[in-house]
């Protein structure tokens, strides 16, 4: 897998997590543990993308 396709994969996963986080936040009783886990994973993906870009 080349760098560009790897970045695109990470961006897709990041965007998907953003949608899941928004959906969980709209629920009547959002699961704070699930939200925290997803936000942490989203941050990890963002950091990995930034590292690969530099």
PDB file of N, CA and C in Angstrom:
ATOM      1  N   UNK A   1       0.860  -1.176   0.000  1.00  0.00           N
ATOM      2  CA  UNK A   1       0.000   0.000   0.000  1.00  0.00           C
ATOM      3  C   UNK A   1       0.906   1.238   0.000  1.00  0.00           C
ATOM      4  N   UNK A   2       0.661   2.120  -0.951  1.00  0.00           N
ATOM      5  CA  UNK A   2       1.490   3.327  -0.989  1.00  0.00           C
ATOM      6  C   UNK A   2       0.973   4.366   0.009  1.00  0.00           C
ATOM      7  N   UNK A   3       1.755   5.403   0.190  1.00  0.00           N
ATOM      8  CA  UNK A   3       1.450   6.419   1.200  1.00  0.00           C
ATOM      9  C   UNK A   3       0.099   7.084   0.950  1.00  0.00           C
ATOM     10  N   UNK A   4      -0.171   7.444  -0.303  1.00  0.00           N
ATOM     11  CA  UNK A   4      -1.419   8.143  -0.617  1.00  0.00           C
ATOM     12  C   UNK A   4      -2.643   7.273  -0.327  1.00  0.00           C
ATOM     13  N   UNK A   5      -2.597   6.014  -0.723  1.00  0.00           N
ATOM     14  CA  UNK A   5      -3.754   5.146  -0.468  1.00  0.00           C
ATOM     15  C   UNK A   5      -3.918   4.881   1.030  1.00  0.00           C
ATOM     16  N   UNK A   6      -2.812   4.802   1.755  1.00  0.00           N
ATOM     17  CA  UNK A   6      -2.892   4.619   3.205  1.00  0.00           C
ATOM     18  C   UNK A   6      -3.532   5.849   3.861  1.00  0.00           C
ATOM     19  N   UNK A   7      -3.134   7.042   3.422  1.00  0.00           N
ATOM     20  CA  UNK A   7      -3.737   8.274   3.945  1.00  0.00           C
ATOM     21  C   UNK A   7      -5.229   8.327   3.645  1.00  0.00           C
ATOM     22  N   UNK A   8      -5.610   7.918   2.440  1.00  0.00           N
ATOM     23  CA  UNK A   8      -7.027   7.922   2.071  1.00  0.00           C
ATOM     24  C   UNK A   8      -7.821   6.952   2.933  1.00  0.00           C
ATOM     25  N   UNK A   9      -7.239   5.808   3.227  1.00  0.00           N
ATOM     26  CA  UNK A   9      -7.895   4.833   4.102  1.00  0.00           C
ATOM     27  C   UNK A   9      -8.089   5.426   5.501  1.00  0.00           C
ATOM     28  N   UNK A  10      -7.044   6.052   6.019  1.00  0.00           N
ATOM     29  CA  UNK A  10      -7.136   6.676   7.338  1.00  0.00           C
ATOM     30  C   UNK A  10      -8.171   7.796   7.350  1.00  0.00           C
ATOM     31  N   UNK A  11      -8.212   8.600   6.291  1.00  0.00           N
ATOM     32  CA  UNK A  11      -9.192   9.686   6.204  1.00  0.00           C
ATOM     33  C   UNK A  11     -10.607   9.133   6.189  1.00  0.00           C
ATOM     34  N   UNK A  12     -10.814   8.031   5.481  1.00  0.00           N
ATOM     35  CA  UNK A  12     -12.132   7.399   5.452  1.00  0.00           C
ATOM     36  C   UNK A  12     -12.552   6.892   6.817  1.00  0.00           C
ATOM     37  N   UNK A  13     -11.623   6.253   7.513  1.00  0.00           N
ATOM     38  CA  UNK A  13     -11.923   5.770   8.864  1.00  0.00           C
ATOM     39  C   UNK A  13     -12.205   6.927   9.802  1.00  0.00           C
ATOM     40  N   UNK A  14     -11.452   8.018   9.654  1.00  0.00           N
ATOM     41  CA  UNK A  14     -11.638   9.216  10.488  1.00  0.00           C
ATOM     42  C   UNK A  14     -13.029   9.808  10.239  1.00  0.00           C
ATOM     43  N   UNK A  15     -13.414   9.937   8.970  1.00  0.00           N
ATOM     44  CA  UNK A  15     -14.725  10.488   8.634  1.00  0.00           C
ATOM     45  C   UNK A  15     -15.853   9.587   9.141  1.00  0.00           C
ATOM     46  N   UNK A  16     -15.663   8.281   9.030  1.00  0.00           N
ATOM     47  CA  UNK A  16     -16.663   7.334   9.504  1.00  0.00           C
ATOM     48  C   UNK A  16     -16.848   7.454  11.019  1.00  0.00           C
ATOM     49  N   UNK A  17     -15.754   7.592  11.735  1.00  0.00           N
ATOM     50  CA  UNK A  17     -15.839   7.772  13.188  1.00  0.00           C
ATOM     51  C   UNK A  17     -16.548   9.072  13.541  1.00  0.00           C
ATOM     52  N   UNK A  18     -16.292  10.112  12.763  1.00  0.00           N
ATOM     53  CA  UNK A  18     -16.959  11.395  13.010  1.00  0.00           C
ATOM     54  C   UNK A  18     -18.481  11.232  12.909  1.00  0.00           C
ATOM     55  N   UNK A  19     -18.927  10.483  11.907  1.00  0.00           N
ATOM     56  CA  UNK A  19     -20.363  10.231  11.747  1.00  0.00           C
ATOM     57  C   UNK A  19     -20.919   9.410  12.908  1.00  0.00           C
ATOM     58  N   UNK A  20     -20.177   8.401  13.320  1.00  0.00           N
ATOM     59  CA  UNK A  20     -20.623   7.557  14.436  1.00  0.00           C
ATOM     60  C   UNK A  20     -20.689   8.349  15.740  1.00  0.00           C
ATOM     61  N   UNK A  21     -19.709   9.223  15.954  1.00  0.00           N
ATOM     62  CA  UNK A  21     -19.692  10.053  17.163  1.00  0.00           C
ATOM     63  C   UNK A  21     -20.909  10.984  17.165  1.00  0.00           C
ATOM     64  N   UNK A  22     -21.195  11.582  16.022  1.00  0.00           N
ATOM     65  CA  UNK A  22     -22.351  12.479  15.924  1.00  0.00           C
ATOM     66  C   UNK A  22     -23.648  11.714  16.180  1.00  0.00           C
ATOM     67  N   UNK A  23     -23.760  10.520  15.619  1.00  0.00           N
ATOM     68  CA  UNK A  23     -24.971   9.712  15.806  1.00  0.00           C
ATOM     69  C   UNK A  23     -25.138   9.317  17.273  1.00  0.00           C
ATOM     70  N   UNK A  24     -24.052   8.919  17.908  1.00  0.00           N
ATOM     71  CA  UNK A  24     -24.120   8.542  19.324  1.00  0.00           C
ATOM     72  C   UNK A  24     -24.506   9.750  20.177  1.00  0.00           C
ATOM     73  N   UNK A  25     -23.988  10.913  19.835  1.00  0.00           N
ATOM     74  CA  UNK A  25     -24.305  12.124  20.588  1.00  0.00           C
ATOM     75  C   UNK A  25     -25.760  12.552  20.470  1.00  0.00           C
ATOM     76  N   UNK A  26     -26.407  12.154  19.388  1.00  0.00           N
ATOM     77  CA  UNK A  26     -27.826  12.508  19.178  1.00  0.00           C
ATOM     78  C   UNK A  26     -28.785  11.556  19.878  1.00  0.00           C
ATOM     79  N   UNK A  27     -28.278  10.440  20.348  1.00  0.00           N
ATOM     80  CA  UNK A  27     -29.150   9.484  21.041  1.00  0.00           C
ATOM     81  C   UNK A  27     -29.679  10.105  22.327  1.00  0.00           C
ATOM     82  N   UNK A  28     -30.851   9.658  22.773  1.00  0.00           N
ATOM     83  CA  UNK A  28     -31.408  10.197  24.024  1.00  0.00           C
ATOM     84  C   UNK A  28     -30.477  10.023  25.222  1.00  0.00           C
ATOM     85  N   UNK A  29     -29.814   8.886  25.327  1.00  0.00           N
ATOM     86  CA  UNK A  29     -28.840   8.674  26.416  1.00  0.00           C
ATOM     87  C   UNK A  29     -27.547   8.161  25.803  1.00  0.00           C
ATOM     88  N   UNK A  30     -26.712   9.073  25.347  1.00  0.00           N
ATOM     89  CA  UNK A  30     -25.451   8.633  24.725  1.00  0.00           C
ATOM     90  C   UNK A  30     -24.578   7.869  25.719  1.00  0.00           C
ATOM     91  N   UNK A  31     -23.906   6.870  25.210  1.00  0.00           N
ATOM     92  CA  UNK A  31     -22.990   6.069  26.025  1.00  0.00           C
ATOM     93  C   UNK A  31     -21.654   6.806  26.103  1.00  0.00           C
ATOM     94  N   UNK A  32     -21.348   7.347  27.254  1.00  0.00           N
ATOM     95  CA  UNK A  32     -20.140   8.162  27.400  1.00  0.00           C
ATOM     96  C   UNK A  32     -18.868   7.341  27.202  1.00  0.00           C
ATOM     97  N   UNK A  33     -18.882   6.081  27.571  1.00  0.00           N
ATOM     98  CA  UNK A  33     -17.717   5.228  27.380  1.00  0.00           C
ATOM     99  C   UNK A  33     -17.462   4.999  25.897  1.00  0.00           C
ATOM    100  N   UNK A  34     -18.514   4.722  25.157  1.00  0.00           N
ATOM    101  CA  UNK A  34     -18.394   4.525  23.712  1.00  0.00           C
ATOM    102  C   UNK A  34     -17.927   5.807  23.033  1.00  0.00           C
ATOM    103  N   UNK A  35     -18.497   6.934  23.436  1.00  0.00           N
ATOM    104  CA  UNK A  35     -18.087   8.218  22.867  1.00  0.00           C
ATOM    105  C   UNK A  35     -16.608   8.489  23.130  1.00  0.00           C
ATOM    106  N   UNK A  36     -16.173   8.252  24.334  1.00  0.00           N
ATOM    107  CA  UNK A  36     -14.778   8.492  24.689  1.00  0.00           C
ATOM    108  C   UNK A  36     -13.851   7.592  23.875  1.00  0.00           C
ATOM    109  N   UNK A  37     -14.218   6.328  23.717  1.00  0.00           N
ATOM    110  CA  UNK A  37     -13.408   5.391  22.953  1.00  0.00           C
ATOM    111  C   UNK A  37     -13.306   5.821  21.495  1.00  0.00           C
ATOM    112  N   UNK A  38     -14.446   6.217  20.906  1.00  0.00           N
ATOM    113  CA  UNK A  38     -14.453   6.642  19.508  1.00  0.00           C
ATOM    114  C   UNK A  38     -13.660   7.935  19.314  1.00  0.00           C
ATOM    115  N   UNK A  39     -13.782   8.866  20.249  1.00  0.00           N
ATOM    116  CA  UNK A  39     -13.036  10.121  20.146  1.00  0.00           C
ATOM    117  C   UNK A  39     -11.532   9.880  20.260  1.00  0.00           C
ATOM    118  N   UNK A  40     -11.142   8.979  21.117  1.00  0.00           N
ATOM    119  CA  UNK A  40      -9.736   8.649  21.267  1.00  0.00           C
ATOM    120  C   UNK A  40      -9.188   8.012  19.988  1.00  0.00           C
ATOM    121  N   UNK A  41      -9.958   7.114  19.401  1.00  0.00           N
ATOM    122  CA  UNK A  41      -9.551   6.487  18.144  1.00  0.00           C
ATOM    123  C   UNK A  41      -9.467   7.519  17.025  1.00  0.00           C
ATOM    124  N   UNK A  42     -10.415   8.445  16.985  1.00  0.00           N
ATOM    125  CA  UNK A  42     -10.401   9.503  15.976  1.00  0.00           C
ATOM    126  C   UNK A  42      -9.150  10.369  16.126  1.00  0.00           C
ATOM    127  N   UNK A  43      -8.797  10.699  17.348  1.00  0.00           N
ATOM    128  CA  UNK A  43      -7.596  11.486  17.601  1.00  0.00           C
ATOM    129  C   UNK A  43      -6.345  10.712  17.183  1.00  0.00           C
ATOM    130  N   UNK A  44      -6.304   9.422  17.483  1.00  0.00           N
ATOM    131  CA  UNK A  44      -5.168   8.592  17.097  1.00  0.00           C
ATOM    132  C   UNK A  44      -5.010   8.577  15.577  1.00  0.00           C
ATOM    133  N   UNK A  45      -6.127   8.457  14.852  1.00  0.00           N
ATOM    134  CA  UNK A  45      -6.074   8.472  13.393  1.00  0.00           C
ATOM    135  C   UNK A  45      -5.574   9.816  12.874  1.00  0.00           C
ATOM    136  N   UNK A  46      -6.066  10.896  13.472  1.00  0.00           N
ATOM    137  CA  UNK A  46      -5.637  12.236  13.055  1.00  0.00           C
ATOM    138  C   UNK A  46      -4.133  12.405  13.251  1.00  0.00           C
ATOM    139  N   UNK A  47      -3.637  11.967  14.393  1.00  0.00           N
ATOM    140  CA  UNK A  47      -2.209  12.082  14.678  1.00  0.00           C
ATOM    141  C   UNK A  47      -1.382  11.245  13.705  1.00  0.00           C
ATOM    142  N   UNK A  48      -1.873  10.064  13.367  1.00  0.00           N
ATOM    143  CA  UNK A  48      -1.156   9.224  12.412  1.00  0.00           C
ATOM    144  C   UNK A  48      -1.135   9.871  11.021  1.00  0.00           C
ATOM    145  N   UNK A  49      -2.250  10.476  10.616  1.00  0.00           N
ATOM    146  CA  UNK A  49      -2.292  11.156   9.320  1.00  0.00           C
ATOM    147  C   UNK A  49      -1.305  12.312   9.299  1.00  0.00           C
ATOM    148  N   UNK A  50      -1.274  13.095  10.366  1.00  0.00           N
ATOM    149  CA  UNK A  50      -0.345  14.230  10.442  1.00  0.00           C
ATOM    150  C   UNK A  50       1.106  13.762  10.410  1.00  0.00           C
ATOM    151  N   UNK A  51       1.389  12.657  11.085  1.00  0.00           N
ATOM    152  CA  UNK A  51       2.745  12.115  11.105  1.00  0.00           C
ATOM    153  C   UNK A  51       3.149  11.670   9.703  1.00  0.00           C
ATOM    154  N   UNK A  52       2.253  11.032   8.978  1.00  0.00           N
ATOM    155  CA  UNK A  52       2.567  10.557   7.635  1.00  0.00           C
ATOM    156  C   UNK A  52       2.736  11.711   6.642  1.00  0.00           C
ATOM    157  N   UNK A  53       2.029  12.805   6.875  1.00  0.00           N
ATOM    158  CA  UNK A  53       2.123  13.949   5.961  1.00  0.00           C
ATOM    159  C   UNK A  53       3.432  14.710   6.127  1.00  0.00           C
ATOM    160  N   UNK A  54       4.053  14.615   7.291  1.00  0.00           N
ATOM    161  CA  UNK A  54       5.283  15.407   7.530  1.00  0.00           C
ATOM    162  C   UNK A  54       6.531  14.650   7.132  1.00  0.00           C
TER     163      UNK A  54
END
